[in-house]
C-alpha atoms as a PDB file:
ATOM      1  CA  MET A   1     -43.185 -31.577 -28.021  1.00  0.00           C
ATOM      2  CA  PHE A   2     -41.025 -34.354 -26.543  1.00  0.00           C
ATOM      3  CA  ILE A   3     -37.447 -33.787 -25.337  1.00  0.00           C
ATOM      4  CA  GLN A   4     -34.812 -36.437 -24.770  1.00  0.00           C
ATOM      5  CA  LEU A   5     -32.002 -35.139 -22.572  1.00  0.00           C
ATOM      6  CA  ILE A   6     -28.618 -36.822 -22.912  1.00  0.00           C
ATOM      7  CA  GLU A   7     -25.739 -36.131 -20.541  1.00  0.00           C
ATOM      8  CA  ALA A   8     -22.285 -37.675 -20.260  1.00  0.00           C
ATOM      9  CA  PRO A   9     -18.672 -36.818 -19.435  1.00  0.00           C
ATOM     10  CA  ALA A  10     -16.988 -35.365 -22.507  1.00  0.00           C
ATOM     11  CA  GLY A  11     -13.734 -36.904 -23.696  1.00  0.00           C
ATOM     12  CA  ASP A  12     -13.263 -34.948 -26.925  1.00  0.00           C
ATOM     13  CA  ALA A  13     -15.404 -31.838 -27.396  1.00  0.00           C
ATOM     14  CA  ASP A  14     -14.359 -31.477 -31.064  1.00  0.00           C
ATOM     15  CA  THR A  15     -15.597 -34.979 -31.870  1.00  0.00           C
ATOM     16  CA  LEU A  16     -18.911 -34.278 -30.132  1.00  0.00           C
ATOM     17  CA  ARG A  17     -19.337 -30.967 -31.930  1.00  0.00           C
ATOM     18  CA  GLU A  18     -18.598 -32.545 -35.313  1.00  0.00           C
ATOM     19  CA  ALA A  19     -21.126 -35.317 -34.677  1.00  0.00           C
ATOM     20  CA  SER A  20     -23.733 -32.752 -33.649  1.00  0.00           C
ATOM     21  CA  TYR A  21     -23.309 -30.640 -36.779  1.00  0.00           C
ATOM     22  CA  ARG A  22     -23.067 -33.681 -39.047  1.00  0.00           C
ATOM     23  CA  TRP A  23     -26.496 -34.749 -37.833  1.00  0.00           C
ATOM     24  CA  ALA A  24     -28.022 -31.311 -38.293  1.00  0.00           C
ATOM     25  CA  ASP A  25     -26.410 -30.675 -41.696  1.00  0.00           C
ATOM     26  CA  LYS A  26     -26.881 -34.081 -43.313  1.00  0.00           C
ATOM     27  CA  LEU A  27     -29.400 -36.258 -41.471  1.00  0.00           C
ATOM     28  CA  GLY A  28     -31.830 -34.023 -39.600  1.00  0.00           C
ATOM     29  CA  ALA A  29     -33.789 -33.006 -42.705  1.00  0.00           C
ATOM     30  CA  THR A  30     -34.813 -36.626 -43.391  1.00  0.00           C
ATOM     31  CA  SER A  31     -35.429 -37.620 -39.782  1.00  0.00           C
ATOM     32  CA  VAL A  32     -38.747 -38.759 -38.336  1.00  0.00           C
ATOM     33  CA  GLY A  33     -40.163 -35.971 -36.184  1.00  0.00           C
ATOM     34  CA  TRP A  34     -36.823 -34.457 -35.128  1.00  0.00           C
ATOM     35  CA  LEU A  35     -37.248 -30.707 -34.506  1.00  0.00           C
ATOM     36  CA  GLY A  36     -33.790 -29.707 -33.330  1.00  0.00           C
ATOM     37  CA  CYS A  37     -31.445 -29.760 -30.370  1.00  0.00           C
ATOM     38  CA  THR A  38     -29.388 -27.667 -27.993  1.00  0.00           C
ATOM     39  CA  GLY A  39     -26.025 -29.108 -27.049  1.00  0.00           C
ATOM     40  CA  GLY A  40     -22.511 -28.363 -25.962  1.00  0.00           C
ATOM     41  CA  VAL A  41     -19.813 -29.031 -23.406  1.00  0.00           C
ATOM     42  CA  THR A  42     -19.607 -27.137 -20.122  1.00  0.00           C
ATOM     43  CA  ASP A  43     -16.346 -25.667 -18.861  1.00  0.00           C
ATOM     44  CA  ASP A  44     -15.987 -28.589 -16.434  1.00  0.00           C
ATOM     45  CA  GLY A  45     -16.365 -31.210 -19.169  1.00  0.00           C
ATOM     46  CA  VAL A  46     -20.025 -32.225 -19.117  1.00  0.00           C
ATOM     47  CA  TRP A  47     -21.618 -32.908 -22.510  1.00  0.00           C
ATOM     48  CA  ILE A  48     -25.343 -32.264 -22.634  1.00  0.00           C
ATOM     49  CA  SER A  49     -27.798 -32.420 -25.518  1.00  0.00           C
ATOM     50  CA  ALA A  50     -31.511 -31.618 -25.432  1.00  0.00           C
ATOM     51  CA  GLU A  51     -33.036 -33.327 -28.484  1.00  0.00           C
ATOM     52  CA  ARG A  52     -36.473 -32.048 -29.501  1.00  0.00           C
ATOM     53  CA  PHE A  53     -39.043 -34.234 -31.288  1.00  0.00           C
ATOM     54  CA  GLU A  54     -42.643 -33.759 -32.391  1.00  0.00           C
ATOM     55  CA  SER A  55     -43.719 -36.639 -30.152  1.00  0.00           C
ATOM     56  CA  GLU A  56     -42.366 -39.473 -28.038  1.00  0.00           C
ATOM     57  CA  GLN A  57     -43.534 -42.034 -30.594  1.00  0.00           C
ATOM     58  CA  LYS A  58     -41.605 -40.355 -33.405  1.00  0.00           C
ATOM     59  CA  ALA A  59     -38.517 -40.119 -31.193  1.00  0.00           C
ATOM     60  CA  TRP A  60     -38.505 -43.899 -30.705  1.00  0.00           C
ATOM     61  CA  VAL A  61     -38.996 -44.454 -34.433  1.00  0.00           C
ATOM     62  CA  GLU A  62     -36.086 -42.131 -35.204  1.00  0.00           C
ATOM     63  CA  ASN A  63     -33.832 -43.702 -32.582  1.00  0.00           C
ATOM     64  CA  GLY A  64     -34.298 -47.062 -34.277  1.00  0.00           C
ATOM     65  CA  ARG A  65     -33.294 -45.896 -37.756  1.00  0.00           C
ATOM     66  CA  PRO A  66     -29.817 -46.795 -39.107  1.00  0.00           C
ATOM     67  CA  GLY A  67     -28.789 -43.163 -39.597  1.00  0.00           C
ATOM     68  CA  ARG A  68     -29.528 -42.301 -35.980  1.00  0.00           C
ATOM     69  CA  ARG A  69     -27.678 -45.379 -34.738  1.00  0.00           C
ATOM     70  CA  ARG A  70     -24.621 -44.423 -36.815  1.00  0.00           C
ATOM     71  CA  TRP A  71     -24.792 -40.899 -35.421  1.00  0.00           C
ATOM     72  CA  TRP A  72     -24.827 -42.282 -31.883  1.00  0.00           C
ATOM     73  CA  SER A  73     -21.805 -44.475 -32.671  1.00  0.00           C
ATOM     74  CA  ASP A  74     -19.943 -41.366 -33.840  1.00  0.00           C
ATOM     75  CA  THR A  75     -21.015 -39.476 -30.719  1.00  0.00           C
ATOM     76  CA  LEU A  76     -19.793 -42.248 -28.411  1.00  0.00           C
ATOM     77  CA  LYS A  77     -16.250 -41.689 -29.702  1.00  0.00           C
ATOM     78  CA  GLY A  78     -16.247 -38.294 -28.013  1.00  0.00           C
ATOM     79  CA  LEU A  79     -17.447 -39.504 -24.595  1.00  0.00           C
ATOM     80  CA  SER A  80     -15.315 -40.610 -21.672  1.00  0.00           C
ATOM     81  CA  GLY A  81     -18.065 -42.318 -19.684  1.00  0.00           C
ATOM     82  CA  ASP A  82     -21.613 -43.622 -19.712  1.00  0.00           C
ATOM     83  CA  ALA A  83     -24.450 -41.462 -20.981  1.00  0.00           C
ATOM     84  CA  ARG A  84     -27.616 -40.753 -18.996  1.00  0.00           C
ATOM     85  CA  PHE A  85     -30.946 -40.374 -20.823  1.00  0.00           C
ATOM     86  CA  ILE A  86     -33.996 -38.520 -19.484  1.00  0.00           C
ATOM     87  CA  ASN A  87     -37.245 -38.628 -21.450  1.00  0.00           C
ATOM     88  CA  CYS A  88     -39.397 -35.544 -20.955  1.00  0.00           C
ATOM     89  CA  ARG A  89     -43.033 -35.827 -22.020  1.00  0.00           C
ATOM     90  CA  GLU A  90     -44.098 -32.449 -20.602  1.00  0.00           C
ATOM     91  CA  VAL A  91     -42.415 -29.465 -22.242  1.00  0.00           C
ATOM     92  CA  GLU A  92     -43.151 -25.726 -22.075  1.00  0.00           C
ATOM     93  CA  VAL A  93     -41.604 -23.132 -24.398  1.00  0.00           C
ATOM     94  CA  PHE A  94     -41.406 -19.504 -23.263  1.00  0.00           C
ATOM     95  CA  ALA A  95     -40.296 -17.121 -26.017  1.00  0.00           C
ATOM     96  CA  PRO A  96     -41.596 -13.922 -27.637  1.00  0.00           C
ATOM     97  CA  ASP A  97     -40.042 -15.159 -30.900  1.00  0.00           C
ATOM     98  CA  PRO A  98     -39.213 -18.902 -30.839  1.00  0.00           C
ATOM     99  CA  ASP A  99     -37.013 -18.575 -33.939  1.00  0.00           C
ATOM    100  CA  ALA A 100     -34.730 -16.155 -32.065  1.00  0.00           C
ATOM    101  CA  ILE A 101     -33.655 -18.953 -29.727  1.00  0.00           C
ATOM    102  CA  ASP A 102     -31.513 -20.336 -32.544  1.00  0.00           C
ATOM    103  CA  THR A 103     -29.292 -17.227 -32.364  1.00  0.00           C
ATOM    104  CA  ALA A 104     -28.368 -17.661 -28.677  1.00  0.00           C
ATOM    105  CA  ARG A 105     -24.661 -17.566 -27.856  1.00  0.00           C
ATOM    106  CA  TYR A 106     -24.970 -18.524 -24.203  1.00  0.00           C
ATOM    107  CA  VAL A 107     -27.274 -21.087 -22.584  1.00  0.00           C
ATOM    108  CA  GLU A 108     -27.939 -21.440 -18.875  1.00  0.00           C
ATOM    109  CA  ILE A 109     -29.233 -24.799 -17.654  1.00  0.00           C
ATOM    110  CA  VAL A 110     -30.942 -25.261 -14.293  1.00  0.00           C
ATOM    111  CA  GLN A 111     -31.852 -28.754 -13.075  1.00  0.00           C
ATOM    112  CA  GLY A 112     -33.720 -29.644  -9.927  1.00  0.00           C
ATOM    113  CA  ARG A 113     -36.703 -31.344  -8.343  1.00  0.00           C
ATOM    114  CA  ILE A 114     -39.935 -29.448  -7.883  1.00  0.00           C
ATOM    115  CA  LYS A 115     -42.849 -29.729  -5.448  1.00  0.00           C
ATOM    116  CA  ASP A 116     -45.507 -28.439  -7.842  1.00  0.00           C
ATOM    117  CA  ALA A 117     -44.841 -28.493 -11.598  1.00  0.00           C
ATOM    118  CA  ALA A 118     -48.152 -26.845 -12.463  1.00  0.00           C
ATOM    119  CA  LEU A 119     -47.441 -23.910 -10.150  1.00  0.00           C
ATOM    120  CA  MET A 120     -43.965 -23.508 -11.608  1.00  0.00           C
ATOM    121  CA  ARG A 121     -45.434 -23.255 -15.109  1.00  0.00           C
ATOM    122  CA  THR A 122     -48.048 -20.760 -13.925  1.00  0.00           C
ATOM    123  CA  LEU A 123     -45.493 -18.534 -12.203  1.00  0.00           C
ATOM    124  CA  LEU A 124     -43.217 -18.486 -15.239  1.00  0.00           C
ATOM    125  CA  ARG A 125     -46.127 -17.610 -17.528  1.00  0.00           C
ATOM    126  CA  SER A 126     -47.388 -14.867 -15.226  1.00  0.00           C
ATOM    127  CA  MET A 127     -44.096 -12.982 -15.236  1.00  0.00           C
ATOM    128  CA  GLU A 128     -43.192 -13.651 -18.862  1.00  0.00           C
ATOM    129  CA  LYS A 129     -43.908 -10.153 -20.239  1.00  0.00           C
ATOM    130  CA  GLU A 130     -42.153  -8.350 -17.399  1.00  0.00           C
ATOM    131  CA  MET A 131     -39.204 -10.719 -17.462  1.00  0.00           C
ATOM    132  CA  TYR A 132     -38.468 -10.085 -21.144  1.00  0.00           C
ATOM    133  CA  ALA A 133     -38.833  -6.343 -20.637  1.00  0.00           C
ATOM    134  CA  HIS A 134     -36.289  -6.512 -17.792  1.00  0.00           C
ATOM    135  CA  ARG A 135     -33.911  -9.075 -19.286  1.00  0.00           C
ATOM    136  CA  THR A 136     -33.283  -7.945 -22.848  1.00  0.00           C
ATOM    137  CA  ASP A 137     -30.497 -10.549 -23.040  1.00  0.00           C
ATOM    138  CA  LEU A 138     -33.030 -13.385 -22.617  1.00  0.00           C
ATOM    139  CA  LEU A 139     -34.310 -14.750 -25.937  1.00  0.00           C
ATOM    140  CA  GLY A 140     -36.492 -17.491 -24.487  1.00  0.00           C
ATOM    141  CA  SER A 141     -36.454 -20.687 -22.496  1.00  0.00           C
ATOM    142  CA  THR A 142     -37.565 -24.305 -22.587  1.00  0.00           C
ATOM    143  CA  LEU A 143     -38.805 -26.102 -19.491  1.00  0.00           C
ATOM    144  CA  ALA A 144     -38.732 -29.893 -19.626  1.00  0.00           C
ATOM    145  CA  PHE A 145     -40.188 -31.993 -16.805  1.00  0.00           C
ATOM    146  CA  HIS A 146     -38.586 -35.321 -15.921  1.00  0.00           C
ATOM    147  CA  PRO A 147     -40.699 -38.408 -15.070  1.00  0.00           C
ATOM    148  CA  ASP A 148     -39.543 -38.297 -11.407  1.00  0.00           C
ATOM    149  CA  ASP A 149     -40.612 -34.717 -10.500  1.00  0.00           C
ATOM    150  CA  GLY A 150     -37.314 -33.353 -11.752  1.00  0.00           C
ATOM    151  CA  TYR A 151     -36.957 -30.650 -14.372  1.00  0.00           C
ATOM    152  CA  THR A 152     -34.444 -29.070 -16.736  1.00  0.00           C
ATOM    153  CA  HIS A 153     -34.830 -25.383 -17.593  1.00  0.00           C
ATOM    154  CA  LEU A 154     -32.783 -24.171 -20.578  1.00  0.00           C
ATOM    155  CA  MET A 155     -32.479 -20.382 -20.835  1.00  0.00           C
ATOM    156  CA  TYR A 156     -31.208 -18.877 -24.084  1.00  0.00           C
ATOM    157  CA  HIS A 157     -29.244 -15.604 -23.997  1.00  0.00           C
ATOM    158  CA  THR A 158     -27.756 -13.238 -26.561  1.00  0.00           C
ATOM    159  CA  SER A 159     -24.251 -13.563 -25.053  1.00  0.00           C
ATOM    160  CA  GLU A 160     -22.410 -14.208 -21.806  1.00  0.00           C
ATOM    161  CA  ASP A 161     -21.389 -10.535 -21.563  1.00  0.00           C
ATOM    162  CA  ASP A 162     -25.022  -9.464 -21.949  1.00  0.00           C
ATOM    163  CA  VAL A 163     -25.988 -11.804 -19.105  1.00  0.00           C
ATOM    164  CA  PHE A 164     -23.320 -10.289 -16.879  1.00  0.00           C
ATOM    165  CA  ASP A 165     -24.517  -6.754 -17.636  1.00  0.00           C
ATOM    166  CA  ALA A 166     -28.189  -7.671 -17.105  1.00  0.00           C
ATOM    167  CA  GLU A 167     -27.496  -9.266 -13.730  1.00  0.00           C
ATOM    168  CA  LEU A 168     -26.076  -5.965 -12.462  1.00  0.00           C
ATOM    169  CA  ARG A 169     -29.438  -4.257 -12.961  1.00  0.00           C
ATOM    170  CA  GLU A 170     -32.012  -4.124 -10.176  1.00  0.00           C
ATOM    171  CA  ILE A 171     -34.746  -6.728 -10.523  1.00  0.00           C
ATOM    172  CA  PRO A 172     -38.331  -5.363 -10.600  1.00  0.00           C
ATOM    173  CA  PRO A 173     -40.102  -6.243  -7.319  1.00  0.00           C
ATOM    174  CA  ARG A 174     -42.814  -8.407  -8.916  1.00  0.00           C
ATOM    175  CA  VAL A 175     -40.319 -10.386 -10.997  1.00  0.00           C
ATOM    176  CA  LYS A 176     -38.129 -10.921  -7.932  1.00  0.00           C
ATOM    177  CA  ALA A 177     -41.121 -12.148  -5.927  1.00  0.00           C
ATOM    178  CA  MET A 178     -42.025 -14.639  -8.654  1.00  0.00           C
ATOM    179  CA  MET A 179     -38.422 -15.842  -8.959  1.00  0.00           C
ATOM    180  CA  ASP A 180     -38.226 -16.321  -5.193  1.00  0.00           C
ATOM    181  CA  ALA A 181     -41.491 -18.283  -5.254  1.00  0.00           C
ATOM    182  CA  ILE A 182     -40.155 -20.570  -7.981  1.00  0.00           C
ATOM    183  CA  TYR A 183     -36.930 -21.126  -6.044  1.00  0.00           C
ATOM    184  CA  GLU A 184     -38.931 -22.080  -2.959  1.00  0.00           C
ATOM    185  CA  LEU A 185     -40.693 -24.792  -4.956  1.00  0.00           C
ATOM    186  CA  ASN A 186     -37.394 -26.678  -5.291  1.00  0.00           C
ATOM    187  CA  VAL A 187     -36.903 -29.509  -2.819  1.00  0.00           C
ATOM    188  CA  ALA A 188     -33.112 -28.934  -2.865  1.00  0.00           C
ATOM    189  CA  THR A 189     -30.632 -26.437  -4.269  1.00  0.00           C
ATOM    190  CA  PRO A 190     -30.851 -26.653  -8.082  1.00  0.00           C
ATOM    191  CA  ARG A 191     -27.875 -27.675 -10.164  1.00  0.00           C
ATOM    192  CA  ARG A 192     -26.617 -25.000 -12.574  1.00  0.00           C
ATOM    193  CA  LEU A 193     -24.714 -25.545 -15.818  1.00  0.00           C
ATOM    194  CA  ALA A 194     -23.716 -23.207 -18.635  1.00  0.00           C
ATOM    195  CA  LEU A 195     -22.915 -23.675 -22.308  1.00  0.00           C
ATOM    196  CA  THR A 196     -20.611 -20.808 -23.242  1.00  0.00           C
ATOM    197  CA  SER A 197     -20.357 -22.012 -26.855  1.00  0.00           C
ATOM    198  CA  PRO A 198     -23.670 -23.814 -27.469  1.00  0.00           C
ATOM    199  CA  TRP A 199     -24.477 -25.865 -30.564  1.00  0.00           C
ATOM    200  CA  ILE A 200     -28.017 -24.948 -31.494  1.00  0.00           C
ATOM    201  CA  HIS A 201     -29.800 -26.641 -34.385  1.00  0.00           C
ATOM    202  CA  SER A 202     -33.299 -26.777 -35.726  1.00  0.00           C
ATOM    203  CA  ARG A 203     -34.892 -28.442 -38.700  1.00  0.00           C
ATOM    204  CA  ARG A 204     -35.247 -24.960 -40.214  1.00  0.00           C
ATOM    205  CA  THR A 205     -31.643 -23.881 -39.921  1.00  0.00           C
ATOM    206  CA  THR A 206     -28.330 -24.537 -38.198  1.00  0.00           C
ATOM    207  CA  VAL A 207     -26.342 -21.784 -36.468  1.00  0.00           C
ATOM    208  CA  ARG A 208     -22.564 -22.210 -36.403  1.00  0.00           C
END
C-alpha cells in the first residue's frame, strides 16, 4: 500500500467535506488504484487527508487524470493556505478486522520522527493482541512512514466517548511497557491531532 498525506489550513470545512464525498461517491470507483482515504478537519482548523493507493505508481497515474485534477480544484476552494504533501512508501495496517475501520467515529493522529522504524513496527505487532483486548474502543490503526524518518500513525476508534472511558482504565503492565518503549523512540515530543467527525471512505463503501 502507498499513502499520500495531504495537510493544509481549512477555510471552509463544508466545501472540503463535499469534495471528499463527491470523490468517493462518483469518481473513486473508476480510479486507478485508489483504495480509500481518511480525512477531516481538526477543531483548530487543520484539514488532513490520508489517501490510500495500491502502489505509488498507480497514485501518480491517478493524480494525472482529469477527474482527479478537477477534484483537487474543488478541494482548493475549501483551503485557506498552501497544502503540504507527504508520500509514504512504507505502510503497516494493524486491525483485527480491517473493514471495521470504516465505521470509526473518532480518529487520533500522531506524527513524529522516529529513531528506529523497524523496532517501532515490531513493538506495535508484539502488543497487538493485548492492546485490542484492553482497548475495546480501538478498531485498528495505520502507520505510515515518511521519507525523512517521520511517521504518521492514524488510530481508529468507535467514538470519542469510548476513548475517554477507555483511558480511565488501568493499562496492563506489558502494554504500558511497550507504549513507553515506542514513545522513547521518538526524537522529539510527537504532534497529536484528532478528527472528531472523520470522513472515512473506501472503494468498497462510504460511511457518512
